[in-house]
Amino acid sequence: MFNLFGLGKTRTKFGKWLDQQGITQFDLEQKANLSRRTISRLCNDKTYRPKYETASKIRNGLKSLGKDIPNDFFWM
Protein backbone atom coordinates (compact mmCIF):
# COMPACT_ATOMS: atom_id res chain seq x y z
CA MET A 1 0.00 0.00 0.00
CA PHE A 2 1.49 3.34 -1.04
CA ASN A 3 1.03 6.32 1.25
CA LEU A 4 2.29 9.75 0.19
CA PHE A 5 2.71 11.07 3.73
CA GLY A 6 4.26 7.95 5.24
CA LEU A 7 6.36 7.06 2.19
CA GLY A 8 4.94 3.56 2.00
CA LYS A 9 4.60 2.93 5.74
CA THR A 10 1.32 1.61 7.01
CA ARG A 11 -0.46 4.15 9.17
CA THR A 12 -2.64 3.64 12.19
CA LYS A 13 -6.23 4.78 12.18
CA PHE A 14 -5.06 7.89 14.03
CA GLY A 15 -2.25 8.53 11.53
CA LYS A 16 -4.69 8.26 8.62
CA TRP A 17 -7.09 10.62 10.41
CA LEU A 18 -4.31 13.20 10.88
CA ASP A 19 -3.47 12.94 7.17
CA GLN A 20 -7.12 13.45 6.21
CA GLN A 21 -7.35 16.49 8.49
CA GLY A 22 -4.17 18.01 7.04
CA ILE A 23 -2.43 18.00 10.43
CA THR A 24 1.28 17.29 10.42
CA GLN A 25 2.94 15.22 13.10
CA PHE A 26 5.21 18.20 13.80
CA ASP A 27 2.22 20.52 14.41
CA LEU A 28 0.68 18.03 16.82
CA GLU A 29 4.02 17.47 18.55
CA GLN A 30 4.27 21.20 19.23
CA LYS A 31 0.65 21.73 20.32
CA ALA A 32 0.43 18.60 22.49
CA ASN A 33 3.89 19.13 24.02
CA LEU A 34 4.85 15.50 23.34
CA SER A 35 7.99 13.98 21.86
CA ARG A 36 8.42 13.24 18.17
CA ARG A 37 8.80 9.55 19.06
CA THR A 38 5.43 9.46 20.85
CA ILE A 39 3.61 11.12 17.96
CA SER A 40 5.32 8.80 15.49
CA ARG A 41 4.29 5.73 17.49
CA LEU A 42 0.69 6.98 17.58
CA CYS A 43 0.70 7.38 13.81
CA ASN A 44 2.63 4.27 12.77
CA ASP A 45 2.62 1.57 15.47
CA LYS A 46 -0.67 -0.30 15.44
CA THR A 47 0.17 -2.04 18.74
CA TYR A 48 0.90 1.18 20.67
CA ARG A 49 -1.73 2.24 23.19
CA PRO A 50 -1.05 5.60 24.84
CA LYS A 51 -1.48 6.24 28.54
CA TYR A 52 -4.52 8.27 29.54
CA GLU A 53 -2.30 11.30 30.19
CA THR A 54 -0.81 11.09 26.69
CA ALA A 55 -4.25 10.74 25.09
CA SER A 56 -5.40 13.76 27.07
CA LYS A 57 -2.45 15.83 25.79
CA ILE A 58 -3.27 14.74 22.24
CA ARG A 59 -6.91 15.81 22.65
CA ASN A 60 -5.85 19.18 24.08
CA GLY A 61 -3.33 19.69 21.28
CA LEU A 62 -5.94 18.88 18.65
CA LYS A 63 -8.41 21.26 20.29
CA SER A 64 -5.84 24.04 20.03
CA LEU A 65 -5.65 23.21 16.29
CA GLY A 66 -9.44 23.46 16.03
CA LYS A 67 -10.01 19.70 15.81
CA ASP A 68 -11.69 17.19 18.11
CA ILE A 69 -11.71 13.40 18.28
CA PRO A 70 -13.92 11.01 20.25
CA ASN A 71 -12.70 10.21 23.78
CA ASP A 72 -12.28 6.51 22.95
CA PHE A 73 -10.49 7.03 19.62
CA PHE A 74 -7.22 5.37 20.71
CA TRP A 75 -8.95 2.23 21.96
CA MET A 76 -11.15 1.60 18.93
C-alpha atoms as a PDB file:
ATOM      1  CA  MET A   1       0.000   0.000   0.000  1.00  0.00           C
ATOM      2  CA  PHE A   2       1.494   3.344  -1.044  1.00  0.00           C
ATOM      3  CA  ASN A   3       1.032   6.318   1.255  1.00  0.00           C
ATOM      4  CA  LEU A   4       2.289   9.747   0.190  1.00  0.00           C
ATOM      5  CA  PHE A   5       2.714  11.066   3.726  1.00  0.00           C
ATOM      6  CA  GLY A   6       4.263   7.950   5.242  1.00  0.00           C
ATOM      7  CA  LEU A   7       6.363   7.062   2.187  1.00  0.00           C
ATOM      8  CA  GLY A   8       4.941   3.561   2.004  1.00  0.00           C
ATOM      9  CA  LYS A   9       4.601   2.926   5.736  1.00  0.00           C
ATOM     10  CA  THR A  10       1.321   1.610   7.008  1.00  0.00           C
ATOM     11  CA  ARG A  11      -0.455   4.154   9.166  1.00  0.00           C
ATOM     12  CA  THR A  12      -2.641   3.642  12.189  1.00  0.00           C
ATOM     13  CA  LYS A  13      -6.229   4.783  12.175  1.00  0.00           C
ATOM     14  CA  PHE A  14      -5.059   7.894  14.029  1.00  0.00           C
ATOM     15  CA  GLY A  15      -2.254   8.532  11.531  1.00  0.00           C
ATOM     16  CA  LYS A  16      -4.691   8.257   8.622  1.00  0.00           C
ATOM     17  CA  TRP A  17      -7.089  10.617  10.413  1.00  0.00           C
ATOM     18  CA  LEU A  18      -4.312  13.201  10.881  1.00  0.00           C
ATOM     19  CA  ASP A  19      -3.471  12.942   7.170  1.00  0.00           C
ATOM     20  CA  GLN A  20      -7.122  13.452   6.211  1.00  0.00           C
ATOM     21  CA  GLN A  21      -7.351  16.492   8.495  1.00  0.00           C
ATOM     22  CA  GLY A  22      -4.167  18.008   7.042  1.00  0.00           C
ATOM     23  CA  ILE A  23      -2.435  18.004  10.434  1.00  0.00           C
ATOM     24  CA  THR A  24       1.284  17.289  10.419  1.00  0.00           C
ATOM     25  CA  GLN A  25       2.939  15.220  13.101  1.00  0.00           C
ATOM     26  CA  PHE A  26       5.206  18.205  13.799  1.00  0.00           C
ATOM     27  CA  ASP A  27       2.225  20.521  14.410  1.00  0.00           C
ATOM     28  CA  LEU A  28       0.683  18.032  16.816  1.00  0.00           C
ATOM     29  CA  GLU A  29       4.024  17.471  18.551  1.00  0.00           C
ATOM     30  CA  GLN A  30       4.270  21.203  19.227  1.00  0.00           C
ATOM     31  CA  LYS A  31       0.655  21.726  20.323  1.00  0.00           C
ATOM     32  CA  ALA A  32       0.434  18.599  22.488  1.00  0.00           C
ATOM     33  CA  ASN A  33       3.885  19.129  24.018  1.00  0.00           C
ATOM     34  CA  LEU A  34       4.853  15.505  23.345  1.00  0.00           C
ATOM     35  CA  SER A  35       7.994  13.979  21.857  1.00  0.00           C
ATOM     36  CA  ARG A  36       8.419  13.242  18.168  1.00  0.00           C
ATOM     37  CA  ARG A  37       8.798   9.550  19.063  1.00  0.00           C
ATOM     38  CA  THR A  38       5.432   9.457  20.849  1.00  0.00           C
ATOM     39  CA  ILE A  39       3.606  11.121  17.961  1.00  0.00           C
ATOM     40  CA  SER A  40       5.322   8.803  15.489  1.00  0.00           C
ATOM     41  CA  ARG A  41       4.292   5.735  17.488  1.00  0.00           C
ATOM     42  CA  LEU A  42       0.686   6.978  17.579  1.00  0.00           C
ATOM     43  CA  CYS A  43       0.695   7.376  13.809  1.00  0.00           C
ATOM     44  CA  ASN A  44       2.630   4.268  12.769  1.00  0.00           C
ATOM     45  CA  ASP A  45       2.624   1.572  15.469  1.00  0.00           C
ATOM     46  CA  LYS A  46      -0.669  -0.302  15.444  1.00  0.00           C
ATOM     47  CA  THR A  47       0.172  -2.045  18.737  1.00  0.00           C
ATOM     48  CA  TYR A  48       0.902   1.177  20.668  1.00  0.00           C
ATOM     49  CA  ARG A  49      -1.733   2.236  23.189  1.00  0.00           C
ATOM     50  CA  PRO A  50      -1.046   5.596  24.842  1.00  0.00           C
ATOM     51  CA  LYS A  51      -1.482   6.239  28.537  1.00  0.00           C
ATOM     52  CA  TYR A  52      -4.517   8.267  29.541  1.00  0.00           C
ATOM     53  CA  GLU A  53      -2.296  11.299  30.193  1.00  0.00           C
ATOM     54  CA  THR A  54      -0.812  11.087  26.686  1.00  0.00           C
ATOM     55  CA  ALA A  55      -4.251  10.736  25.086  1.00  0.00           C
ATOM     56  CA  SER A  56      -5.405  13.762  27.070  1.00  0.00           C
ATOM     57  CA  LYS A  57      -2.452  15.827  25.791  1.00  0.00           C
ATOM     58  CA  ILE A  58      -3.273  14.736  22.240  1.00  0.00           C
ATOM     59  CA  ARG A  59      -6.915  15.807  22.652  1.00  0.00           C
ATOM     60  CA  ASN A  60      -5.851  19.185  24.076  1.00  0.00           C
ATOM     61  CA  GLY A  61      -3.326  19.686  21.280  1.00  0.00           C
ATOM     62  CA  LEU A  62      -5.939  18.884  18.654  1.00  0.00           C
ATOM     63  CA  LYS A  63      -8.409  21.262  20.287  1.00  0.00           C
ATOM     64  CA  SER A  64      -5.839  24.045  20.025  1.00  0.00           C
ATOM     65  CA  LEU A  65      -5.650  23.208  16.294  1.00  0.00           C
ATOM     66  CA  GLY A  66      -9.442  23.460  16.034  1.00  0.00           C
ATOM     67  CA  LYS A  67     -10.008  19.699  15.809  1.00  0.00           C
ATOM     68  CA  ASP A  68     -11.686  17.189  18.108  1.00  0.00           C
ATOM     69  CA  ILE A  69     -11.709  13.400  18.278  1.00  0.00           C
ATOM     70  CA  PRO A  70     -13.921  11.007  20.252  1.00  0.00           C
ATOM     71  CA  ASN A  71     -12.697  10.206  23.776  1.00  0.00           C
ATOM     72  CA  ASP A  72     -12.277   6.513  22.951  1.00  0.00           C
ATOM     73  CA  PHE A  73     -10.495   7.028  19.616  1.00  0.00           C
ATOM     74  CA  PHE A  74      -7.222   5.371  20.713  1.00  0.00           C
ATOM     75  CA  TRP A  75      -8.951   2.226  21.961  1.00  0.00           C
ATOM     76  CA  MET A  76     -11.155   1.598  18.934  1.00  0.00           C
END
